[in-house]
Structures are given as C-alpha cells and as structure tokens.
All heavy atoms as atom14 arrays in JSON, in Angstrom:
{
  "sequence": "EKITMDYNAKRQNDMHQRIVEEIVNEALHRNIENRIFVQGIVII",
  "atom14_mask": [
    [1, 1, 1, 1, 1, 1, 1, 1, 1, 0, 0, 0, 0, 0],
    [1, 1, 1, 1, 1, 1, 1, 1, 1, 0, 0, 0, 0, 0],
    [1, 1, 1, 1, 1, 1, 1, 1, 0, 0, 0, 0, 0, 0],
    [1, 1, 1, 1, 1, 1, 1, 0, 0, 0, 0, 0, 0, 0],
    [1, 1, 1, 1, 1, 1, 1, 1, 0, 0, 0, 0, 0, 0],
    [1, 1, 1, 1, 1, 1, 1, 1, 0, 0, 0, 0, 0, 0],
    [1, 1, 1, 1, 1, 1, 1, 1, 1, 1, 1, 1, 0, 0],
    [1, 1, 1, 1, 1, 1, 1, 1, 0, 0, 0, 0, 0, 0],
    [1, 1, 1, 1, 1, 0, 0, 0, 0, 0, 0, 0, 0, 0],
    [1, 1, 1, 1, 1, 1, 1, 1, 1, 0, 0, 0, 0, 0],
    [1, 1, 1, 1, 1, 1, 1, 1, 1, 1, 1, 0, 0, 0],
    [1, 1, 1, 1, 1, 1, 1, 1, 1, 0, 0, 0, 0, 0],
    [1, 1, 1, 1, 1, 1, 1, 1, 0, 0, 0, 0, 0, 0],
    [1, 1, 1, 1, 1, 1, 1, 1, 0, 0, 0, 0, 0, 0],
    [1, 1, 1, 1, 1, 1, 1, 1, 0, 0, 0, 0, 0, 0],
    [1, 1, 1, 1, 1, 1, 1, 1, 1, 1, 0, 0, 0, 0],
    [1, 1, 1, 1, 1, 1, 1, 1, 1, 0, 0, 0, 0, 0],
    [1, 1, 1, 1, 1, 1, 1, 1, 1, 1, 1, 0, 0, 0],
    [1, 1, 1, 1, 1, 1, 1, 1, 0, 0, 0, 0, 0, 0],
    [1, 1, 1, 1, 1, 1, 1, 0, 0, 0, 0, 0, 0, 0],
    [1, 1, 1, 1, 1, 1, 1, 1, 1, 0, 0, 0, 0, 0],
    [1, 1, 1, 1, 1, 1, 1, 1, 1, 0, 0, 0, 0, 0],
    [1, 1, 1, 1, 1, 1, 1, 1, 0, 0, 0, 0, 0, 0],
    [1, 1, 1, 1, 1, 1, 1, 0, 0, 0, 0, 0, 0, 0],
    [1, 1, 1, 1, 1, 1, 1, 1, 0, 0, 0, 0, 0, 0],
    [1, 1, 1, 1, 1, 1, 1, 1, 1, 0, 0, 0, 0, 0],
    [1, 1, 1, 1, 1, 0, 0, 0, 0, 0, 0, 0, 0, 0],
    [1, 1, 1, 1, 1, 1, 1, 1, 0, 0, 0, 0, 0, 0],
    [1, 1, 1, 1, 1, 1, 1, 1, 1, 1, 0, 0, 0, 0],
    [1, 1, 1, 1, 1, 1, 1, 1, 1, 1, 1, 0, 0, 0],
    [1, 1, 1, 1, 1, 1, 1, 1, 0, 0, 0, 0, 0, 0],
    [1, 1, 1, 1, 1, 1, 1, 1, 0, 0, 0, 0, 0, 0],
    [1, 1, 1, 1, 1, 1, 1, 1, 1, 0, 0, 0, 0, 0],
    [1, 1, 1, 1, 1, 1, 1, 1, 0, 0, 0, 0, 0, 0],
    [1, 1, 1, 1, 1, 1, 1, 1, 1, 1, 1, 0, 0, 0],
    [1, 1, 1, 1, 1, 1, 1, 1, 0, 0, 0, 0, 0, 0],
    [1, 1, 1, 1, 1, 1, 1, 1, 1, 1, 1, 0, 0, 0],
    [1, 1, 1, 1, 1, 1, 1, 0, 0, 0, 0, 0, 0, 0],
    [1, 1, 1, 1, 1, 1, 1, 1, 1, 0, 0, 0, 0, 0],
    [1, 1, 1, 1, 0, 0, 0, 0, 0, 0, 0, 0, 0, 0],
    [1, 1, 1, 1, 1, 1, 1, 1, 0, 0, 0, 0, 0, 0],
    [1, 1, 1, 1, 1, 1, 1, 0, 0, 0, 0, 0, 0, 0],
    [1, 1, 1, 1, 1, 1, 1, 1, 0, 0, 0, 0, 0, 0],
    [1, 1, 1, 1, 1, 1, 1, 1, 0, 0, 0, 0, 0, 0]
  ],
  "atom14_positions": [
    [[-25.06, -187.94, -19.99], [-23.99, -187.56, -20.9], [-23.35, -186.25, -20.45], [-24.02, -185.32, -20.02], [-24.54, -187.39, -22.32], [-23.48, -186.99, -23.35], [-24.07, -186.73, -24.72], [-25.3, -186.85, -24.88], [-23.29, -186.38, -25.63], [0.0, 0.0, 0.0], [0.0, 0.0, 0.0], [0.0, 0.0, 0.0], [0.0, 0.0, 0.0], [0.0, 0.0, 0.0]],
    [[-22.0, -186.2, -20.54], [-21.26, -185.0, -20.15], [-20.7, -184.31, -21.39], [-20.12, -184.96, -22.25], [-20.11, -185.37, -19.2], [-20.57, -185.89, -17.85], [-19.39, -186.12, -16.92], [-19.87, -186.61, -15.54], [-18.74, -186.79, -14.6], [0.0, 0.0, 0.0], [0.0, 0.0, 0.0], [0.0, 0.0, 0.0], [0.0, 0.0, 0.0], [0.0, 0.0, 0.0]],
    [[-20.9, -183.0, -21.46], [-20.42, -182.21, -22.59], [-19.56, -181.08, -22.04], [-20.03, -180.26, -21.24], [-21.59, -181.62, -23.42], [-22.48, -182.75, -23.95], [-21.05, -180.77, -24.56], [-23.72, -182.24, -24.67], [0.0, 0.0, 0.0], [0.0, 0.0, 0.0], [0.0, 0.0, 0.0], [0.0, 0.0, 0.0], [0.0, 0.0, 0.0], [0.0, 0.0, 0.0]],
    [[-18.3, -181.04, -22.46], [-17.4, -179.99, -22.0], [-17.84, -178.65, -22.58], [-18.04, -178.52, -23.78], [-15.95, -180.28, -22.41], [-15.54, -181.53, -21.82], [-15.01, -179.18, -21.94], [0.0, 0.0, 0.0], [0.0, 0.0, 0.0], [0.0, 0.0, 0.0], [0.0, 0.0, 0.0], [0.0, 0.0, 0.0], [0.0, 0.0, 0.0], [0.0, 0.0, 0.0]],
    [[-17.99, -177.66, -21.73], [-18.42, -176.33, -22.18], [-17.21, -175.58, -22.72], [-16.08, -175.78, -22.26], [-19.08, -175.59, -21.01], [-20.25, -176.37, -20.42], [-20.99, -175.63, -18.94], [-22.03, -174.39, -19.67], [0.0, 0.0, 0.0], [0.0, 0.0, 0.0], [0.0, 0.0, 0.0], [0.0, 0.0, 0.0], [0.0, 0.0, 0.0], [0.0, 0.0, 0.0]],
    [[-17.45, -174.71, -23.69], [-16.36, -174.06, -24.4], [-15.83, -172.82, -23.7], [-15.18, -171.99, -24.32], [-16.79, -173.72, -25.84], [-17.98, -172.77, -25.87], [-18.49, -172.43, -24.79], [-18.39, -172.37, -26.98], [0.0, 0.0, 0.0], [0.0, 0.0, 0.0], [0.0, 0.0, 0.0], [0.0, 0.0, 0.0], [0.0, 0.0, 0.0], [0.0, 0.0, 0.0]],
    [[-16.12, -172.66, -22.43], [-15.55, -171.54, -21.71], [-15.33, -171.94, -20.26], [-15.92, -172.88, -19.75], [-16.45, -170.31, -21.79], [-17.78, -170.47, -21.1], [-17.92, -170.26, -19.72], [-18.9, -170.86, -21.81], [-19.14, -170.43, -19.09], [-20.12, -171.04, -21.18], [-20.23, -170.82, -19.83], [-21.42, -171.0, -19.2], [0.0, 0.0, 0.0], [0.0, 0.0, 0.0]],
    [[-14.46, -171.21, -19.61], [-14.19, -171.39, -18.2], [-14.37, -170.03, -17.54], [-13.53, -169.15, -17.69], [-12.77, -171.93, -17.99], [-12.46, -172.23, -16.54], [-12.77, -171.44, -15.66], [-11.85, -173.36, -16.29], [0.0, 0.0, 0.0], [0.0, 0.0, 0.0], [0.0, 0.0, 0.0], [0.0, 0.0, 0.0], [0.0, 0.0, 0.0], [0.0, 0.0, 0.0]],
    [[-15.5, -169.86, -16.86], [-15.84, -168.54, -16.31], [-14.81, -168.06, -15.3], [-14.48, -166.87, -15.26], [-17.22, -168.6, -15.67], [0.0, 0.0, 0.0], [0.0, 0.0, 0.0], [0.0, 0.0, 0.0], [0.0, 0.0, 0.0], [0.0, 0.0, 0.0], [0.0, 0.0, 0.0], [0.0, 0.0, 0.0], [0.0, 0.0, 0.0], [0.0, 0.0, 0.0]],
    [[-14.26, -168.98, -14.52], [-13.28, -168.56, -13.5], [-11.99, -168.09, -14.16], [-11.42, -167.07, -13.79], [-12.98, -169.72, -12.55], [-12.02, -169.32, -11.44], [-11.72, -170.45, -10.5], [-10.82, -169.99, -9.36], [-9.56, -169.37, -9.85], [0.0, 0.0, 0.0], [0.0, 0.0, 0.0], [0.0, 0.0, 0.0], [0.0, 0.0, 0.0], [0.0, 0.0, 0.0]],
    [[-11.53, -168.84, -15.17], [-10.31, -168.45, -15.87], [-10.49, -167.09, -16.54], [-9.61, -166.24, -16.52], [-9.92, -169.51, -16.89], [-8.54, -169.26, -17.53], [-8.21, -170.33, -18.55], [-8.18, -171.64, -17.92], [-8.83, -172.7, -18.38], [-9.59, -172.59, -19.47], [-8.75, -173.86, -17.77], [0.0, 0.0, 0.0], [0.0, 0.0, 0.0], [0.0, 0.0, 0.0]],
    [[-11.66, -166.91, -17.13], [-11.97, -165.64, -17.78], [-11.97, -164.5, -16.77], [-11.39, -163.44, -17.0], [-13.34, -165.74, -18.47], [-13.76, -164.5, -19.23], [-15.14, -164.65, -19.85], [-15.89, -165.56, -19.49], [-15.48, -163.78, -20.77], [0.0, 0.0, 0.0], [0.0, 0.0, 0.0], [0.0, 0.0, 0.0], [0.0, 0.0, 0.0], [0.0, 0.0, 0.0]],
    [[-12.59, -164.74, -15.62], [-12.67, -163.69, -14.6], [-11.32, -163.45, -13.94], [-11.04, -162.32, -13.51], [-13.71, -164.07, -13.55], [-14.19, -162.86, -12.77], [-14.25, -161.75, -13.29], [-14.53, -163.06, -11.51], [0.0, 0.0, 0.0], [0.0, 0.0, 0.0], [0.0, 0.0, 0.0], [0.0, 0.0, 0.0], [0.0, 0.0, 0.0], [0.0, 0.0, 0.0]],
    [[-10.49, -164.47, -13.85], [-9.14, -164.28, -13.29], [-8.36, -163.27, -14.12], [-7.63, -162.42, -13.57], [-8.38, -165.61, -13.25], [-8.86, -166.53, -12.13], [-9.59, -166.04, -11.24], [-8.51, -167.72, -12.15], [0.0, 0.0, 0.0], [0.0, 0.0, 0.0], [0.0, 0.0, 0.0], [0.0, 0.0, 0.0], [0.0, 0.0, 0.0], [0.0, 0.0, 0.0]],
    [[-8.49, -163.36, -15.45], [-7.82, -162.4, -16.32], [-8.38, -160.99, -16.11], [-7.62, -160.02, -16.0], [-7.98, -162.81, -17.79], [-7.26, -161.88, -18.76], [-7.64, -162.19, -20.49], [-9.32, -161.55, -20.6], [0.0, 0.0, 0.0], [0.0, 0.0, 0.0], [0.0, 0.0, 0.0], [0.0, 0.0, 0.0], [0.0, 0.0, 0.0], [0.0, 0.0, 0.0]],
    [[-9.71, -160.87, -16.04], [-10.33, -159.57, -15.8], [-9.86, -158.98, -14.48], [-9.54, -157.79, -14.39], [-11.86, -159.72, -15.77], [-12.44, -160.18, -17.07], [-13.77, -160.51, -17.21], [-11.88, -160.35, -18.29], [-14.0, -160.86, -18.46], [-12.88, -160.79, -19.13], [0.0, 0.0, 0.0], [0.0, 0.0, 0.0], [0.0, 0.0, 0.0], [0.0, 0.0, 0.0]],
    [[-9.84, -159.83, -13.47], [-9.41, -159.4, -12.13], [-7.99, -158.85, -12.16], [-7.71, -157.79, -11.59], [-9.51, -160.61, -11.2], [-8.98, -160.41, -9.81], [-9.0, -161.73, -9.05], [-9.67, -162.68, -9.42], [-8.22, -161.8, -7.99], [0.0, 0.0, 0.0], [0.0, 0.0, 0.0], [0.0, 0.0, 0.0], [0.0, 0.0, 0.0], [0.0, 0.0, 0.0]],
    [[-7.1, -159.55, -12.85], [-5.7, -159.13, -12.92], [-5.56, -157.8, -13.66], [-4.8, -156.92, -13.23], [-4.88, -160.22, -13.61], [-3.41, -159.87, -13.81], [-2.64, -161.03, -14.4], [-3.27, -161.54, -15.61], [-3.16, -160.95, -16.81], [-2.46, -159.82, -16.93], [-3.73, -161.47, -17.87], [0.0, 0.0, 0.0], [0.0, 0.0, 0.0], [0.0, 0.0, 0.0]],
    [[-6.31, -157.63, -14.77], [-6.22, -156.39, -15.55], [-6.7, -155.2, -14.73], [-6.05, -154.14, -14.71], [-7.02, -156.52, -16.86], [-6.3, -157.49, -17.81], [-7.22, -155.17, -17.52], [-7.07, -157.77, -19.08], [0.0, 0.0, 0.0], [0.0, 0.0, 0.0], [0.0, 0.0, 0.0], [0.0, 0.0, 0.0], [0.0, 0.0, 0.0], [0.0, 0.0, 0.0]],
    [[-7.84, -155.35, -14.04], [-8.34, -154.27, -13.19], [-7.31, -153.93, -12.11], [-7.02, -152.75, -11.84], [-9.68, -154.66, -12.54], [-10.13, -153.59, -11.54], [-10.76, -154.87, -13.6], [0.0, 0.0, 0.0], [0.0, 0.0, 0.0], [0.0, 0.0, 0.0], [0.0, 0.0, 0.0], [0.0, 0.0, 0.0], [0.0, 0.0, 0.0], [0.0, 0.0, 0.0]],
    [[-6.75, -154.95, -11.5], [-5.79, -154.75, -10.42], [-4.56, -153.99, -10.91], [-4.07, -153.06, -10.22], [-5.39, -156.12, -9.84], [-4.75, -156.05, -8.5], [-4.63, -157.43, -7.87], [-5.66, -158.04, -7.54], [-3.48, -157.9, -7.72], [0.0, 0.0, 0.0], [0.0, 0.0, 0.0], [0.0, 0.0, 0.0], [0.0, 0.0, 0.0], [0.0, 0.0, 0.0]],
    [[-4.04, -154.37, -12.07], [-2.85, -153.71, -12.61], [-3.14, -152.25, -12.95], [-2.35, -151.36, -12.64], [-2.34, -154.45, -13.85], [-1.81, -155.85, -13.58], [-0.59, -155.86, -12.69], [0.1, -154.82, -12.58], [-0.32, -156.91, -12.07], [0.0, 0.0, 0.0], [0.0, 0.0, 0.0], [0.0, 0.0, 0.0], [0.0, 0.0, 0.0], [0.0, 0.0, 0.0]],
    [[-4.27, -151.99, -13.6], [-4.62, -150.62, -14.0], [-4.77, -149.72, -12.76], [-4.24, -148.61, -12.71], [-5.91, -150.62, -14.83], [-5.65, -151.26, -16.2], [-6.44, -149.19, -15.02], [-6.9, -151.44, -17.04], [0.0, 0.0, 0.0], [0.0, 0.0, 0.0], [0.0, 0.0, 0.0], [0.0, 0.0, 0.0], [0.0, 0.0, 0.0], [0.0, 0.0, 0.0]],
    [[-5.51, -150.2, -11.76], [-5.78, -149.41, -10.56], [-4.49, -149.1, -9.81], [-4.23, -147.94, -9.42], [-6.78, -150.14, -9.65], [-6.84, -149.47, -8.28], [-8.16, -150.17, -10.29], [0.0, 0.0, 0.0], [0.0, 0.0, 0.0], [0.0, 0.0, 0.0], [0.0, 0.0, 0.0], [0.0, 0.0, 0.0], [0.0, 0.0, 0.0], [0.0, 0.0, 0.0]],
    [[-3.66, -150.1, -9.6], [-2.45, -149.9, -8.8], [-1.4, -149.07, -9.52], [-0.67, -148.3, -8.89], [-1.88, -151.25, -8.38], [-2.67, -151.9, -7.25], [-2.6, -151.48, -6.1], [-3.47, -152.9, -7.59], [0.0, 0.0, 0.0], [0.0, 0.0, 0.0], [0.0, 0.0, 0.0], [0.0, 0.0, 0.0], [0.0, 0.0, 0.0], [0.0, 0.0, 0.0]],
    [[-1.33, -149.2, -10.84], [-0.4, -148.34, -11.58], [-0.85, -146.89, -11.52], [-0.04, -145.98, -11.33], [-0.31, -148.81, -13.04], [0.63, -149.98, -13.26], [0.93, -150.22, -14.72], [0.64, -149.31, -15.55], [1.47, -151.29, -15.05], [0.0, 0.0, 0.0], [0.0, 0.0, 0.0], [0.0, 0.0, 0.0], [0.0, 0.0, 0.0], [0.0, 0.0, 0.0]],
    [[-2.15, -146.66, -11.68], [-2.67, -145.29, -11.66], [-2.49, -144.64, -10.29], [-2.27, -143.42, -10.2], [-4.15, -145.29, -12.05], [0.0, 0.0, 0.0], [0.0, 0.0, 0.0], [0.0, 0.0, 0.0], [0.0, 0.0, 0.0], [0.0, 0.0, 0.0], [0.0, 0.0, 0.0], [0.0, 0.0, 0.0], [0.0, 0.0, 0.0], [0.0, 0.0, 0.0]],
    [[-2.6, -145.44, -9.22], [-2.48, -144.91, -7.86], [-1.06, -145.03, -7.31], [-0.81, -144.7, -6.14], [-3.45, -145.66, -6.93], [-4.94, -145.47, -7.24], [-5.77, -146.33, -6.31], [-5.35, -144.01, -7.13], [0.0, 0.0, 0.0], [0.0, 0.0, 0.0], [0.0, 0.0, 0.0], [0.0, 0.0, 0.0], [0.0, 0.0, 0.0], [0.0, 0.0, 0.0]],
    [[-0.13, -145.52, -8.14], [1.28, -145.69, -7.75], [1.41, -146.53, -6.49], [2.19, -146.21, -5.58], [1.94, -144.32, -7.54], [1.79, -143.39, -8.72], [2.44, -143.59, -9.92], [1.03, -142.26, -8.88], [2.11, -142.64, -10.76], [1.25, -141.81, -10.16], [0.0, 0.0, 0.0], [0.0, 0.0, 0.0], [0.0, 0.0, 0.0], [0.0, 0.0, 0.0]],
    [[0.63, -147.6, -6.45], [0.7, -148.5, -5.29], [1.75, -149.58, -5.55], [1.94, -150.04, -6.68], [-0.65, -149.18, -5.07], [-1.79, -148.23, -4.72], [-1.62, -147.64, -3.31], [-2.76, -146.86, -2.9], [-3.68, -147.27, -2.01], [-3.58, -148.47, -1.47], [-4.67, -146.49, -1.69], [0.0, 0.0, 0.0], [0.0, 0.0, 0.0], [0.0, 0.0, 0.0]],
    [[2.41, -150.01, -4.48], [3.38, -151.11, -4.58], [2.86, -152.3, -3.78], [1.72, -152.31, -3.31], [4.77, -150.68, -4.1], [4.72, -150.11, -2.68], [3.98, -150.61, -1.83], [5.5, -149.07, -2.43], [0.0, 0.0, 0.0], [0.0, 0.0, 0.0], [0.0, 0.0, 0.0], [0.0, 0.0, 0.0], [0.0, 0.0, 0.0], [0.0, 0.0, 0.0]],
    [[3.71, -153.29, -3.6], [3.28, -154.51, -2.94], [2.86, -154.28, -1.5], [2.04, -155.01, -0.94], [4.4, -155.59, -3.02], [3.86, -156.95, -2.61], [5.6, -155.17, -2.17], [2.81, -157.5, -3.54], [0.0, 0.0, 0.0], [0.0, 0.0, 0.0], [0.0, 0.0, 0.0], [0.0, 0.0, 0.0], [0.0, 0.0, 0.0], [0.0, 0.0, 0.0]],
    [[3.38, -153.24, -0.88], [3.08, -152.98, 0.53], [1.68, -152.4, 0.73], [1.04, -152.66, 1.75], [4.13, -152.04, 1.13], [5.53, -152.65, 1.18], [6.55, -151.68, 1.74], [6.17, -150.52, 2.01], [7.72, -152.08, 1.91], [0.0, 0.0, 0.0], [0.0, 0.0, 0.0], [0.0, 0.0, 0.0], [0.0, 0.0, 0.0], [0.0, 0.0, 0.0]],
    [[1.23, -151.6, -0.21], [-0.1, -150.98, -0.06], [-0.99, -151.27, -1.28], [-1.87, -150.5, -1.62], [0.03, -149.47, 0.16], [0.73, -148.77, -0.99], [1.19, -149.42, -1.93], [0.83, -147.46, -0.91], [0.0, 0.0, 0.0], [0.0, 0.0, 0.0], [0.0, 0.0, 0.0], [0.0, 0.0, 0.0], [0.0, 0.0, 0.0], [0.0, 0.0, 0.0]],
    [[-0.73, -152.37, -1.9], [-1.43, -152.75, -3.12], [-2.92, -152.99, -2.86], [-3.31, -153.51, -1.82], [-0.81, -154.02, -3.7], [-1.35, -154.43, -5.07], [-0.59, -155.65, -5.59], [-1.05, -156.06, -6.9], [-0.63, -155.54, -8.04], [0.28, -154.57, -8.02], [-1.1, -155.96, -9.2], [0.0, 0.0, 0.0], [0.0, 0.0, 0.0], [0.0, 0.0, 0.0]],
    [[-3.75, -152.58, -3.83], [-5.19, -152.87, -3.78], [-5.42, -154.19, -4.52], [-5.09, -154.31, -5.71], [-6.01, -151.74, -4.42], [-5.86, -150.46, -3.6], [-7.48, -152.14, -4.54], [-6.54, -149.26, -4.24], [0.0, 0.0, 0.0], [0.0, 0.0, 0.0], [0.0, 0.0, 0.0], [0.0, 0.0, 0.0], [0.0, 0.0, 0.0], [0.0, 0.0, 0.0]],
    [[-5.98, -155.15, -3.84], [-6.24, -156.46, -4.44], [-7.7, -156.52, -4.89], [-8.61, -156.16, -4.15], [-5.94, -157.59, -3.46], [-4.48, -157.71, -3.15], [-3.93, -157.13, -2.01], [-3.64, -158.4, -4.02], [-2.58, -157.24, -1.74], [-2.28, -158.52, -3.75], [-1.75, -157.93, -2.61], [0.0, 0.0, 0.0], [0.0, 0.0, 0.0], [0.0, 0.0, 0.0]],
    [[-7.89, -156.96, -6.11], [-9.23, -157.09, -6.68], [-9.69, -158.53, -6.54], [-8.94, -159.47, -6.83], [-9.24, -156.68, -8.17], [-10.62, -156.89, -8.79], [-8.79, -155.22, -8.32], [0.0, 0.0, 0.0], [0.0, 0.0, 0.0], [0.0, 0.0, 0.0], [0.0, 0.0, 0.0], [0.0, 0.0, 0.0], [0.0, 0.0, 0.0], [0.0, 0.0, 0.0]],
    [[-10.91, -158.71, -6.09], [-11.48, -160.05, -5.91], [-12.38, -160.39, -7.1], [-13.09, -159.52, -7.61], [-12.3, -160.13, -4.62], [-11.52, -159.75, -3.37], [-10.32, -160.65, -3.14], [-10.43, -161.87, -3.25], [-9.18, -160.06, -2.83], [0.0, 0.0, 0.0], [0.0, 0.0, 0.0], [0.0, 0.0, 0.0], [0.0, 0.0, 0.0], [0.0, 0.0, 0.0]],
    [[-12.35, -161.63, -7.52], [-13.18, -162.07, -8.63], [-14.43, -162.79, -8.15], [-14.38, -163.59, -7.21], [0.0, 0.0, 0.0], [0.0, 0.0, 0.0], [0.0, 0.0, 0.0], [0.0, 0.0, 0.0], [0.0, 0.0, 0.0], [0.0, 0.0, 0.0], [0.0, 0.0, 0.0], [0.0, 0.0, 0.0], [0.0, 0.0, 0.0], [0.0, 0.0, 0.0]],
    [[-15.54, -162.49, -8.78], [-16.82, -163.15, -8.44], [-17.47, -163.63, -9.73], [-17.57, -162.88, -10.71], [-17.79, -162.19, -7.73], [-17.18, -161.66, -6.43], [-19.12, -162.9, -7.43], [-18.05, -160.61, -5.75], [0.0, 0.0, 0.0], [0.0, 0.0, 0.0], [0.0, 0.0, 0.0], [0.0, 0.0, 0.0], [0.0, 0.0, 0.0], [0.0, 0.0, 0.0]],
    [[-17.91, -164.9, -9.74], [-18.71, -165.42, -10.85], [-20.13, -165.6, -10.33], [-20.36, -166.3, -9.35], [-18.17, -166.77, -11.36], [-19.07, -167.33, -12.46], [-16.75, -166.6, -11.9], [0.0, 0.0, 0.0], [0.0, 0.0, 0.0], [0.0, 0.0, 0.0], [0.0, 0.0, 0.0], [0.0, 0.0, 0.0], [0.0, 0.0, 0.0], [0.0, 0.0, 0.0]],
    [[-21.08, -164.93, -10.98], [-22.49, -165.0, -10.56], [-23.29, -165.78, -11.6], [-23.24, -165.48, -12.79], [-23.09, -163.59, -10.41], [-22.37, -162.81, -9.29], [-24.59, -163.67, -10.12], [-22.88, -161.39, -9.13], [0.0, 0.0, 0.0], [0.0, 0.0, 0.0], [0.0, 0.0, 0.0], [0.0, 0.0, 0.0], [0.0, 0.0, 0.0], [0.0, 0.0, 0.0]],
    [[-24.01, -166.79, -11.14], [-24.96, -167.5, -11.98], [-26.33, -166.86, -11.74], [-26.88, -166.97, -10.64], [-25.0, -169.01, -11.68], [-23.58, -169.6, -11.74], [-25.93, -169.72, -12.65], [-22.91, -169.45, -13.09], [0.0, 0.0, 0.0], [0.0, 0.0, 0.0], [0.0, 0.0, 0.0], [0.0, 0.0, 0.0], [0.0, 0.0, 0.0], [0.0, 0.0, 0.0]]
  ]
}
C-alpha cells in the first residue's frame, strides 16, 4: 500500500535555500555576476 506523505522535503528545502541566498547576497551587495549560490541538501 502507498500512502502520500504530507510534506515534500525537497520543496521545503528549496524555499529555505532561496531565502538564505537572497539574504546573503543582499547583505553583501552581490549581483548576478558575483552572486553566492546556496546549495540545498536533504539528509535522512
């Protein structure tokens, strides 16, 4: 039997990743040329 779980860890982490990325780059005044990209990791 398959039961759909009520969360999507990747989707959740994608949002976290984006928020961290926006905060860091705004604070450091980075633009697209020297932007810091944040990577998302889901650990079981």
